[in-house]
Amino acid sequence: MSECTLGTANFGTGWGAGAEPDEARRILDRFAEAGGTFLDSADGYQFGESEQLTGKLISADRDHFVLATKFALGSAPQRDISKTGNSRKDMVASVEASLKRLGTISHREKPGASTDPAPFHGRDTERRRR
């Protein structure tokens, strides 16, 4: 993982401003050429468009990058109290939606954190293994 992180909050135009796909590609390519591998995202960046665009941009070389994403604010332009927050239910729903938008199906926990997936996935882990 690189020492520098590329924040992807401006990948997309969901907020009315930001980088169009071609510009986001140039930014990501320049970052990767400089040795960057660590990308920061969040479910609310550009109302989820940032994660979708980031996922598409790294799809051909996914294993080269480390992704970090955050949750709690939700990705919908009109936030709904029932779909945001820090409850387990909201966290699982948010992370699963982020993984889908990012086009990845696995996660690695924060360095030093527990490696036991049970508190995070619970029964969902077993369903995915089948």
Foldseek 3Di string as FASTA:
>chain_A
DDPDEAEQLQADCLVPHHDDLVRVLVVVVVCVVVVDAEYEEECQRSLNVSLLSQLVSCVVPVVSHAYHYYFFQHSDPDGDPVQGHDDLVNVLVRVVVSCVSSVHDDHDDDPPDDPDCCVNQPCVVVVVVD
